[in-house]
Amino acid sequence: MGSAYAEQEPGMLPVETLNQDPGSGGELLFDLGGAIEDDQDLQRHTVLVGSIGLVLPADEISELIEKAVVCELPNTPSWFNGVTSIRGNMIPVFDLHELFSIEQPAAGRRLIVVGENEIAAAFWVDDFPRLLAFADEDVTSIEPQVPSLIREHARQYFMNDGEAWVEWDFKSFFAALGEQL
């Protein structure tokens, strides 16, 4: 896997060499590492809230916030921690451990923000997100033991190495929580 520089004709901009036809006498600028394999596994980021495995939505931006400052709001349920500011947007922060009576991890929790701008919500997770590969045979119709509120917003379930994972509609889930505020 070597790399070579493309031949640049006089008067050609460097960016134009990237679009140069390899058959025109120039060599490829770089090698991307070989052919892409036809991988049927679906790789997704996942997080844990206690023993509840959640699959983060692939079509939304998700971001880990290490040192979040959360401003509490008075007269709200204990599972609603308040709001945090992410790039000038006020994002609601939910504590699913508190909501579902799950023991909080001994180690420090991390905040995950899912979505962006006005369609974003944050919630505490037990550890760093993990990237898991789910194959077609990992999809299951057996509902794992998860709270009914998560089950109501589940899209599908996966079993991966003996662990259950829920792919969920985070927008409808957090909208339902917002209605309870």
N, C-alpha and C. Protein backbone atom coordinates (compact mmCIF):
# COMPACT_ATOMS: atom_id res chain seq x y z
N MET A 1 0.84 -1.16 0.00
CA MET A 1 0.00 0.00 0.00
C MET A 1 0.89 1.23 0.00
N GLY A 2 1.34 1.60 -1.11
CA GLY A 2 2.17 2.78 -1.23
C GLY A 2 1.33 3.96 -1.64
N SER A 3 1.93 5.13 -1.59
CA SER A 3 1.24 6.30 -2.08
C SER A 3 2.20 7.05 -2.99
N ALA A 4 1.66 7.76 -3.92
CA ALA A 4 2.47 8.51 -4.85
C ALA A 4 1.78 9.84 -5.10
N TYR A 5 2.55 10.81 -5.53
CA TYR A 5 1.97 12.10 -5.84
C TYR A 5 1.49 12.13 -7.28
N ALA A 6 0.38 12.80 -7.50
CA ALA A 6 -0.13 12.95 -8.85
C ALA A 6 0.75 13.95 -9.59
N GLU A 7 0.89 13.73 -10.86
CA GLU A 7 1.63 14.68 -11.67
C GLU A 7 0.78 15.92 -11.85
N GLN A 8 1.38 17.07 -11.62
CA GLN A 8 0.65 18.32 -11.76
C GLN A 8 1.13 19.03 -13.00
N GLU A 9 0.21 19.29 -13.89
CA GLU A 9 0.55 20.01 -15.10
C GLU A 9 0.76 21.48 -14.76
N PRO A 10 1.59 22.18 -15.52
CA PRO A 10 1.80 23.62 -15.28
C PRO A 10 0.47 24.36 -15.35
N GLY A 11 0.23 25.27 -14.42
CA GLY A 11 -0.99 26.07 -14.39
C GLY A 11 -2.17 25.36 -13.74
N MET A 12 -2.01 24.10 -13.33
CA MET A 12 -3.08 23.33 -12.69
C MET A 12 -3.07 23.61 -11.20
N LEU A 13 -4.23 23.86 -10.64
CA LEU A 13 -4.33 24.04 -9.20
C LEU A 13 -4.12 22.71 -8.50
N PRO A 14 -3.54 22.73 -7.30
CA PRO A 14 -3.31 21.47 -6.59
C PRO A 14 -4.58 20.65 -6.41
N VAL A 15 -5.72 21.30 -6.13
CA VAL A 15 -6.95 20.56 -5.93
C VAL A 15 -7.39 19.85 -7.21
N GLU A 16 -7.03 20.39 -8.38
CA GLU A 16 -7.40 19.77 -9.64
C GLU A 16 -6.69 18.44 -9.84
N THR A 17 -5.54 18.25 -9.19
CA THR A 17 -4.84 16.98 -9.33
C THR A 17 -5.61 15.85 -8.68
N LEU A 18 -6.44 16.19 -7.69
CA LEU A 18 -7.26 15.16 -7.05
C LEU A 18 -8.29 14.59 -8.01
N ASN A 19 -8.74 15.41 -8.95
CA ASN A 19 -9.76 14.98 -9.91
C ASN A 19 -9.15 14.45 -11.19
N GLN A 20 -7.85 14.40 -11.25
CA GLN A 20 -7.15 13.97 -12.45
C GLN A 20 -7.42 12.50 -12.72
N ASP A 21 -7.70 12.16 -13.95
CA ASP A 21 -7.93 10.78 -14.38
C ASP A 21 -6.62 10.01 -14.28
N PRO A 22 -6.60 8.92 -13.52
CA PRO A 22 -5.35 8.15 -13.39
C PRO A 22 -4.82 7.68 -14.74
N GLY A 23 -5.69 7.50 -15.71
CA GLY A 23 -5.24 7.06 -17.01
C GLY A 23 -4.59 8.16 -17.82
N SER A 24 -4.55 9.38 -17.28
CA SER A 24 -4.01 10.50 -18.03
C SER A 24 -2.50 10.62 -17.86
N GLY A 25 -1.88 9.66 -17.29
CA GLY A 25 -0.43 9.71 -17.12
C GLY A 25 -0.04 10.00 -15.69
N GLY A 26 -0.94 10.55 -14.90
CA GLY A 26 -0.64 10.83 -13.51
C GLY A 26 -0.96 9.62 -12.65
N GLU A 27 -0.31 9.55 -11.51
CA GLU A 27 -0.60 8.45 -10.59
C GLU A 27 -1.62 8.91 -9.57
N LEU A 28 -2.24 7.96 -8.90
CA LEU A 28 -3.18 8.29 -7.84
C LEU A 28 -2.46 9.03 -6.73
N LEU A 29 -3.13 9.99 -6.15
CA LEU A 29 -2.55 10.77 -5.08
C LEU A 29 -2.34 9.92 -3.83
N PHE A 30 -3.29 9.08 -3.52
CA PHE A 30 -3.16 8.23 -2.34
C PHE A 30 -3.98 6.97 -2.50
N ASP A 31 -3.67 5.98 -1.69
CA ASP A 31 -4.36 4.71 -1.69
C ASP A 31 -5.20 4.65 -0.43
N LEU A 32 -6.48 4.38 -0.55
CA LEU A 32 -7.37 4.36 0.60
C LEU A 32 -7.30 3.06 1.38
N GLY A 33 -6.38 2.20 1.07
CA GLY A 33 -6.20 1.00 1.86
C GLY A 33 -6.86 -0.23 1.30
N GLY A 34 -7.12 -0.27 0.05
CA GLY A 34 -7.65 -1.48 -0.55
C GLY A 34 -9.15 -1.41 -0.75
N ALA A 35 -9.69 -2.51 -1.21
CA ALA A 35 -11.13 -2.58 -1.52
C ALA A 35 -11.95 -2.57 -0.25
N ILE A 36 -13.11 -1.98 -0.33
CA ILE A 36 -14.04 -1.98 0.79
C ILE A 36 -14.79 -3.30 0.79
N GLU A 37 -14.77 -3.96 1.93
CA GLU A 37 -15.46 -5.25 2.02
C GLU A 37 -16.96 -5.02 2.15
N ASP A 38 -17.72 -5.95 1.65
CA ASP A 38 -19.17 -5.88 1.75
C ASP A 38 -19.56 -6.43 3.13
N ASP A 39 -19.60 -5.52 4.11
CA ASP A 39 -19.87 -5.91 5.49
C ASP A 39 -21.35 -5.73 5.78
N GLN A 40 -22.03 -6.80 6.14
CA GLN A 40 -23.46 -6.76 6.39
C GLN A 40 -23.78 -6.30 7.81
N ASP A 41 -22.80 -6.23 8.70
CA ASP A 41 -23.05 -5.80 10.06
C ASP A 41 -23.30 -4.30 10.11
N LEU A 42 -24.22 -3.92 10.97
CA LEU A 42 -24.57 -2.53 11.18
C LEU A 42 -23.83 -2.05 12.41
N GLN A 43 -22.89 -1.11 12.26
CA GLN A 43 -22.14 -0.61 13.39
C GLN A 43 -22.85 0.61 13.97
N ARG A 44 -23.08 0.57 15.26
CA ARG A 44 -23.81 1.64 15.93
C ARG A 44 -23.17 1.94 17.28
N HIS A 45 -23.26 3.18 17.70
CA HIS A 45 -22.81 3.57 19.03
C HIS A 45 -23.91 3.23 20.03
N THR A 46 -23.49 2.72 21.17
CA THR A 46 -24.42 2.30 22.21
C THR A 46 -23.98 2.88 23.55
N VAL A 47 -24.94 3.02 24.46
CA VAL A 47 -24.65 3.49 25.81
C VAL A 47 -25.44 2.66 26.80
N LEU A 48 -24.99 2.66 28.03
CA LEU A 48 -25.68 1.95 29.10
C LEU A 48 -26.21 2.95 30.13
N VAL A 49 -27.45 2.72 30.54
CA VAL A 49 -28.05 3.41 31.67
C VAL A 49 -28.42 2.28 32.62
N GLY A 50 -27.55 2.02 33.58
CA GLY A 50 -27.72 0.84 34.42
C GLY A 50 -27.58 -0.39 33.55
N SER A 51 -28.59 -1.25 33.54
CA SER A 51 -28.54 -2.45 32.70
C SER A 51 -29.30 -2.26 31.39
N ILE A 52 -29.78 -1.05 31.15
CA ILE A 52 -30.52 -0.77 29.91
C ILE A 52 -29.53 -0.36 28.82
N GLY A 53 -29.48 -1.16 27.77
CA GLY A 53 -28.61 -0.86 26.64
C GLY A 53 -29.37 -0.08 25.59
N LEU A 54 -28.91 1.12 25.28
CA LEU A 54 -29.58 1.96 24.30
C LEU A 54 -28.69 2.16 23.08
N VAL A 55 -29.29 2.03 21.91
CA VAL A 55 -28.58 2.26 20.65
C VAL A 55 -28.83 3.71 20.26
N LEU A 56 -27.75 4.47 20.11
CA LEU A 56 -27.90 5.87 19.74
C LEU A 56 -28.34 5.96 18.28
N PRO A 57 -29.18 6.93 17.96
CA PRO A 57 -29.68 7.03 16.58
C PRO A 57 -28.56 7.36 15.60
N ALA A 58 -28.52 6.61 14.50
CA ALA A 58 -27.47 6.81 13.50
C ALA A 58 -27.71 8.07 12.68
N ASP A 59 -28.95 8.50 12.60
CA ASP A 59 -29.29 9.65 11.76
C ASP A 59 -29.25 10.97 12.52
N GLU A 60 -28.76 10.95 13.75
CA GLU A 60 -28.66 12.16 14.57
C GLU A 60 -27.24 12.30 15.11
N ILE A 61 -26.87 13.51 15.38
CA ILE A 61 -25.58 13.79 16.00
C ILE A 61 -25.68 13.43 17.48
N SER A 62 -24.69 12.71 17.97
CA SER A 62 -24.59 12.40 19.40
C SER A 62 -23.23 12.88 19.87
N GLU A 63 -23.20 13.44 21.06
CA GLU A 63 -21.97 14.04 21.56
C GLU A 63 -21.80 13.74 23.03
N LEU A 64 -20.60 13.37 23.42
CA LEU A 64 -20.26 13.12 24.81
C LEU A 64 -19.76 14.42 25.43
N ILE A 65 -20.34 14.81 26.56
CA ILE A 65 -19.91 16.01 27.27
C ILE A 65 -19.27 15.56 28.58
N GLU A 66 -17.98 15.80 28.73
CA GLU A 66 -17.26 15.33 29.91
C GLU A 66 -17.53 16.19 31.15
N LYS A 67 -17.48 17.49 31.01
CA LYS A 67 -17.64 18.35 32.18
C LYS A 67 -18.79 19.31 31.94
N ALA A 68 -19.97 18.81 32.10
CA ALA A 68 -21.17 19.61 31.85
C ALA A 68 -21.54 20.43 33.08
N VAL A 69 -21.97 21.64 32.82
CA VAL A 69 -22.52 22.49 33.87
C VAL A 69 -24.02 22.50 33.64
N VAL A 70 -24.77 22.00 34.61
CA VAL A 70 -26.22 21.89 34.49
C VAL A 70 -26.86 22.88 35.45
N CYS A 71 -27.71 23.73 34.92
CA CYS A 71 -28.44 24.70 35.73
C CYS A 71 -29.79 24.11 36.12
N GLU A 72 -30.00 23.92 37.40
CA GLU A 72 -31.25 23.34 37.89
C GLU A 72 -32.39 24.34 37.73
N LEU A 73 -33.57 23.81 37.54
CA LEU A 73 -34.78 24.63 37.46
C LEU A 73 -35.68 24.27 38.63
N PRO A 74 -36.27 25.26 39.29
CA PRO A 74 -37.11 24.96 40.45
C PRO A 74 -38.43 24.30 40.04
N ASN A 75 -38.98 23.57 40.99
CA ASN A 75 -40.31 22.96 40.85
C ASN A 75 -40.40 22.00 39.67
N THR A 76 -39.35 21.21 39.48
CA THR A 76 -39.36 20.19 38.42
C THR A 76 -39.10 18.83 39.07
N PRO A 77 -39.50 17.75 38.41
CA PRO A 77 -39.26 16.41 38.96
C PRO A 77 -37.75 16.15 39.15
N SER A 78 -37.43 15.26 40.06
CA SER A 78 -36.02 14.96 40.35
C SER A 78 -35.29 14.36 39.16
N TRP A 79 -36.01 13.73 38.24
CA TRP A 79 -35.39 13.13 37.06
C TRP A 79 -35.08 14.15 35.97
N PHE A 80 -35.55 15.38 36.14
CA PHE A 80 -35.20 16.45 35.21
C PHE A 80 -34.16 17.33 35.91
N ASN A 81 -32.90 17.23 35.46
CA ASN A 81 -31.81 17.92 36.14
C ASN A 81 -31.73 19.40 35.82
N GLY A 82 -32.33 19.84 34.74
CA GLY A 82 -32.26 21.24 34.36
C GLY A 82 -31.83 21.38 32.91
N VAL A 83 -31.03 22.40 32.64
CA VAL A 83 -30.56 22.65 31.27
C VAL A 83 -29.06 22.90 31.28
N THR A 84 -28.46 22.64 30.14
CA THR A 84 -27.05 22.95 29.92
C THR A 84 -26.94 23.68 28.60
N SER A 85 -25.90 24.47 28.47
CA SER A 85 -25.70 25.23 27.25
C SER A 85 -24.65 24.53 26.38
N ILE A 86 -25.06 24.18 25.18
CA ILE A 86 -24.15 23.57 24.20
C ILE A 86 -24.15 24.46 22.97
N ARG A 87 -23.02 25.10 22.72
CA ARG A 87 -22.86 26.03 21.60
C ARG A 87 -24.00 27.04 21.53
N GLY A 88 -24.35 27.59 22.68
CA GLY A 88 -25.36 28.63 22.75
C GLY A 88 -26.80 28.14 22.78
N ASN A 89 -27.02 26.83 22.70
CA ASN A 89 -28.37 26.27 22.76
C ASN A 89 -28.63 25.69 24.15
N MET A 90 -29.79 25.98 24.70
CA MET A 90 -30.16 25.43 25.99
C MET A 90 -30.74 24.04 25.77
N ILE A 91 -30.08 23.02 26.32
CA ILE A 91 -30.44 21.62 26.12
C ILE A 91 -30.98 21.06 27.44
N PRO A 92 -32.16 20.44 27.43
CA PRO A 92 -32.68 19.82 28.66
C PRO A 92 -31.85 18.59 29.03
N VAL A 93 -31.66 18.41 30.34
CA VAL A 93 -30.85 17.30 30.86
C VAL A 93 -31.74 16.40 31.71
N PHE A 94 -31.78 15.12 31.34
CA PHE A 94 -32.62 14.14 32.03
C PHE A 94 -31.74 13.11 32.73
N ASP A 95 -32.21 12.66 33.88
CA ASP A 95 -31.52 11.61 34.63
C ASP A 95 -32.38 10.36 34.56
N LEU A 96 -32.08 9.48 33.61
CA LEU A 96 -32.86 8.26 33.44
C LEU A 96 -32.66 7.30 34.60
N HIS A 97 -31.51 7.40 35.30
CA HIS A 97 -31.30 6.58 36.50
C HIS A 97 -32.38 6.92 37.53
N GLU A 98 -32.59 8.19 37.75
CA GLU A 98 -33.59 8.65 38.71
C GLU A 98 -35.00 8.29 38.23
N LEU A 99 -35.27 8.51 36.96
CA LEU A 99 -36.59 8.24 36.39
C LEU A 99 -37.00 6.78 36.55
N PHE A 100 -36.06 5.87 36.31
CA PHE A 100 -36.36 4.45 36.33
C PHE A 100 -35.87 3.75 37.61
N SER A 101 -35.50 4.51 38.62
CA SER A 101 -35.01 3.97 39.91
C SER A 101 -33.86 3.00 39.71
N ILE A 102 -32.87 3.42 38.94
CA ILE A 102 -31.67 2.63 38.68
C ILE A 102 -30.54 3.19 39.52
N GLU A 103 -29.79 2.30 40.16
CA GLU A 103 -28.66 2.75 40.96
C GLU A 103 -27.63 3.42 40.06
N GLN A 104 -27.14 4.57 40.52
CA GLN A 104 -26.15 5.30 39.73
C GLN A 104 -24.79 4.62 39.88
N PRO A 105 -23.99 4.65 38.81
CA PRO A 105 -22.68 4.00 38.87
C PRO A 105 -21.76 4.67 39.88
N ALA A 106 -20.87 3.88 40.46
CA ALA A 106 -19.92 4.41 41.44
C ALA A 106 -18.95 5.38 40.78
N ALA A 107 -18.54 5.06 39.56
CA ALA A 107 -17.63 5.95 38.83
C ALA A 107 -18.43 7.13 38.27
N GLY A 108 -17.73 8.14 37.84
CA GLY A 108 -18.40 9.32 37.30
C GLY A 108 -19.24 9.03 36.08
N ARG A 109 -20.39 9.66 36.02
CA ARG A 109 -21.26 9.51 34.87
C ARG A 109 -20.85 10.51 33.80
N ARG A 110 -21.35 10.26 32.60
CA ARG A 110 -21.07 11.14 31.48
C ARG A 110 -22.39 11.57 30.86
N LEU A 111 -22.37 12.73 30.27
CA LEU A 111 -23.56 13.29 29.65
C LEU A 111 -23.50 13.08 28.15
N ILE A 112 -24.56 12.53 27.59
CA ILE A 112 -24.69 12.35 26.15
C ILE A 112 -25.75 13.32 25.66
N VAL A 113 -25.41 14.08 24.63
CA VAL A 113 -26.37 14.95 23.96
C VAL A 113 -26.71 14.30 22.64
N VAL A 114 -28.00 14.10 22.39
CA VAL A 114 -28.46 13.49 21.14
C VAL A 114 -29.30 14.53 20.41
N GLY A 115 -29.03 14.70 19.12
CA GLY A 115 -29.73 15.70 18.33
C GLY A 115 -28.96 17.00 18.35
N GLU A 116 -29.53 18.01 17.71
CA GLU A 116 -28.87 19.31 17.71
C GLU A 116 -29.89 20.43 17.71
N ASN A 117 -29.41 21.60 18.12
CA ASN A 117 -30.21 22.81 18.19
C ASN A 117 -31.46 22.59 19.04
N GLU A 118 -32.63 22.98 18.52
CA GLU A 118 -33.85 22.88 19.34
C GLU A 118 -34.39 21.46 19.45
N ILE A 119 -33.85 20.53 18.67
CA ILE A 119 -34.27 19.13 18.76
C ILE A 119 -33.10 18.33 19.34
N ALA A 120 -32.81 18.62 20.59
CA ALA A 120 -31.72 17.92 21.27
C ALA A 120 -32.13 17.69 22.72
N ALA A 121 -31.59 16.63 23.27
CA ALA A 121 -31.80 16.31 24.67
C ALA A 121 -30.53 15.64 25.19
N ALA A 122 -30.31 15.78 26.48
CA ALA A 122 -29.12 15.19 27.10
C ALA A 122 -29.57 14.26 28.22
N PHE A 123 -28.80 13.20 28.41
CA PHE A 123 -29.08 12.28 29.50
C PHE A 123 -27.77 11.67 29.98
N TRP A 124 -27.78 11.26 31.25
CA TRP A 124 -26.58 10.70 31.88
C TRP A 124 -26.46 9.22 31.53
N VAL A 125 -25.22 8.79 31.24
CA VAL A 125 -24.92 7.39 30.95
C VAL A 125 -23.81 6.91 31.87
N ASP A 126 -23.66 5.60 31.95
CA ASP A 126 -22.73 5.01 32.91
C ASP A 126 -21.27 5.10 32.49
N ASP A 127 -21.00 5.11 31.21
CA ASP A 127 -19.62 5.04 30.75
C ASP A 127 -19.54 5.64 29.36
N PHE A 128 -18.38 5.51 28.75
CA PHE A 128 -18.21 5.98 27.38
C PHE A 128 -19.08 5.15 26.44
N PRO A 129 -19.55 5.75 25.35
CA PRO A 129 -20.28 4.96 24.35
C PRO A 129 -19.38 3.87 23.77
N ARG A 130 -20.00 2.77 23.36
CA ARG A 130 -19.28 1.67 22.71
C ARG A 130 -19.81 1.52 21.30
N LEU A 131 -18.93 1.18 20.39
CA LEU A 131 -19.31 0.90 19.02
C LEU A 131 -19.51 -0.60 18.91
N LEU A 132 -20.74 -1.01 18.58
CA LEU A 132 -21.07 -2.42 18.44
C LEU A 132 -21.52 -2.70 17.02
N ALA A 133 -21.25 -3.90 16.56
CA ALA A 133 -21.71 -4.34 15.24
C ALA A 133 -22.90 -5.27 15.45
N PHE A 134 -24.02 -4.93 14.84
CA PHE A 134 -25.22 -5.75 14.92
C PHE A 134 -25.47 -6.39 13.57
N ALA A 135 -25.56 -7.70 13.55
CA ALA A 135 -25.86 -8.44 12.32
C ALA A 135 -27.37 -8.65 12.25
N ASP A 136 -27.84 -9.05 11.08
CA ASP A 136 -29.27 -9.31 10.90
C ASP A 136 -29.81 -10.31 11.92
N GLU A 137 -28.99 -11.30 12.25
CA GLU A 137 -29.45 -12.33 13.19
C GLU A 137 -29.48 -11.82 14.64
N ASP A 138 -28.95 -10.61 14.90
CA ASP A 138 -29.01 -10.02 16.23
C ASP A 138 -30.36 -9.37 16.53
N VAL A 139 -31.13 -9.07 15.48
CA VAL A 139 -32.47 -8.49 15.67
C VAL A 139 -33.36 -9.55 16.30
N THR A 140 -34.09 -9.16 17.35
CA THR A 140 -34.94 -10.11 18.05
C THR A 140 -36.33 -9.52 18.26
N SER A 141 -37.31 -10.39 18.28
CA SER A 141 -38.67 -9.94 18.57
C SER A 141 -38.98 -10.09 20.06
N ILE A 142 -38.05 -10.67 20.80
CA ILE A 142 -38.23 -10.83 22.24
C ILE A 142 -37.88 -9.51 22.91
N GLU A 143 -38.86 -8.95 23.61
CA GLU A 143 -38.65 -7.68 24.27
C GLU A 143 -37.85 -7.89 25.55
N PRO A 144 -36.72 -7.20 25.69
CA PRO A 144 -35.95 -7.32 26.93
C PRO A 144 -36.67 -6.61 28.07
N GLN A 145 -36.22 -6.86 29.27
CA GLN A 145 -36.81 -6.21 30.43
C GLN A 145 -36.32 -4.77 30.50
N VAL A 146 -37.12 -3.88 29.96
CA VAL A 146 -36.83 -2.45 30.01
C VAL A 146 -38.10 -1.75 30.49
N PRO A 147 -37.96 -0.56 31.04
CA PRO A 147 -39.14 0.17 31.49
C PRO A 147 -40.14 0.37 30.35
N SER A 148 -41.41 0.40 30.70
CA SER A 148 -42.47 0.51 29.68
C SER A 148 -42.34 1.78 28.85
N LEU A 149 -41.85 2.87 29.45
CA LEU A 149 -41.69 4.11 28.70
C LEU A 149 -40.67 3.95 27.56
N ILE A 150 -39.62 3.20 27.80
CA ILE A 150 -38.65 2.94 26.73
C ILE A 150 -39.27 1.99 25.71
N ARG A 151 -39.96 0.97 26.18
CA ARG A 151 -40.60 0.01 25.29
C ARG A 151 -41.58 0.70 24.34
N GLU A 152 -42.30 1.71 24.85
CA GLU A 152 -43.27 2.45 24.02
C GLU A 152 -42.60 3.19 22.86
N HIS A 153 -41.32 3.49 23.00
CA HIS A 153 -40.60 4.27 21.98
C HIS A 153 -39.51 3.45 21.29
N ALA A 154 -39.57 2.13 21.48
CA ALA A 154 -38.57 1.24 20.87
C ALA A 154 -38.89 1.03 19.39
N ARG A 155 -37.85 1.02 18.59
CA ARG A 155 -38.00 0.71 17.16
C ARG A 155 -37.74 -0.77 16.93
N GLN A 156 -36.66 -1.27 17.54
CA GLN A 156 -36.35 -2.69 17.46
C GLN A 156 -35.36 -3.05 18.56
N TYR A 157 -35.20 -4.35 18.76
CA TYR A 157 -34.32 -4.87 19.81
C TYR A 157 -33.24 -5.72 19.18
N PHE A 158 -32.06 -5.70 19.83
CA PHE A 158 -30.94 -6.53 19.39
C PHE A 158 -30.45 -7.34 20.58
N MET A 159 -29.96 -8.55 20.30
CA MET A 159 -29.22 -9.34 21.29
C MET A 159 -27.81 -9.48 20.74
N ASN A 160 -26.83 -9.04 21.52
CA ASN A 160 -25.44 -9.06 21.08
C ASN A 160 -24.60 -9.57 22.24
N ASP A 161 -23.98 -10.72 22.07
CA ASP A 161 -23.16 -11.35 23.12
C ASP A 161 -23.90 -11.43 24.46
N GLY A 162 -25.17 -11.81 24.41
CA GLY A 162 -25.96 -11.99 25.62
C GLY A 162 -26.51 -10.71 26.21
N GLU A 163 -26.22 -9.56 25.60
CA GLU A 163 -26.74 -8.30 26.10
C GLU A 163 -27.87 -7.81 25.20
N ALA A 164 -28.91 -7.24 25.82
CA ALA A 164 -30.04 -6.70 25.06
C ALA A 164 -29.81 -5.21 24.81
N TRP A 165 -30.14 -4.79 23.59
CA TRP A 165 -29.99 -3.39 23.19
C TRP A 165 -31.28 -2.92 22.54
N VAL A 166 -31.67 -1.69 22.86
CA VAL A 166 -32.90 -1.12 22.35
C VAL A 166 -32.56 0.02 21.39
N GLU A 167 -33.04 -0.10 20.15
CA GLU A 167 -32.97 1.03 19.24
C GLU A 167 -34.27 1.80 19.46
N TRP A 168 -34.18 3.07 19.82
CA TRP A 168 -35.34 3.83 20.27
C TRP A 168 -35.48 5.13 19.50
N ASP A 169 -36.68 5.66 19.54
CA ASP A 169 -36.97 6.95 18.93
C ASP A 169 -36.78 7.99 20.03
N PHE A 170 -35.61 8.59 20.08
CA PHE A 170 -35.29 9.50 21.18
C PHE A 170 -36.17 10.75 21.14
N LYS A 171 -36.56 11.19 19.96
CA LYS A 171 -37.39 12.40 19.87
C LYS A 171 -38.73 12.20 20.56
N SER A 172 -39.41 11.11 20.24
CA SER A 172 -40.72 10.88 20.86
C SER A 172 -40.56 10.56 22.35
N PHE A 173 -39.48 9.88 22.72
CA PHE A 173 -39.23 9.55 24.12
C PHE A 173 -39.09 10.82 24.96
N PHE A 174 -38.21 11.73 24.52
CA PHE A 174 -37.99 12.94 25.30
C PHE A 174 -39.17 13.91 25.18
N ALA A 175 -39.91 13.87 24.09
CA ALA A 175 -41.13 14.68 23.99
C ALA A 175 -42.14 14.22 25.03
N ALA A 176 -42.24 12.89 25.21
CA ALA A 176 -43.16 12.35 26.22
C ALA A 176 -42.73 12.78 27.63
N LEU A 177 -41.42 12.79 27.89
CA LEU A 177 -40.94 13.26 29.19
C LEU A 177 -41.21 14.75 29.36
N GLY A 178 -41.03 15.50 28.29
CA GLY A 178 -41.29 16.94 28.35
C GLY A 178 -42.73 17.26 28.69
N GLU A 179 -43.64 16.42 28.25
CA GLU A 179 -45.06 16.63 28.56
C GLU A 179 -45.35 16.41 30.04
N GLN A 180 -44.47 15.67 30.72
CA GLN A 180 -44.66 15.40 32.15
C GLN A 180 -44.09 16.50 33.04
N LEU A 181 -43.42 17.46 32.44
CA LEU A 181 -42.81 18.54 33.25
C LEU A 181 -43.82 19.57 33.67
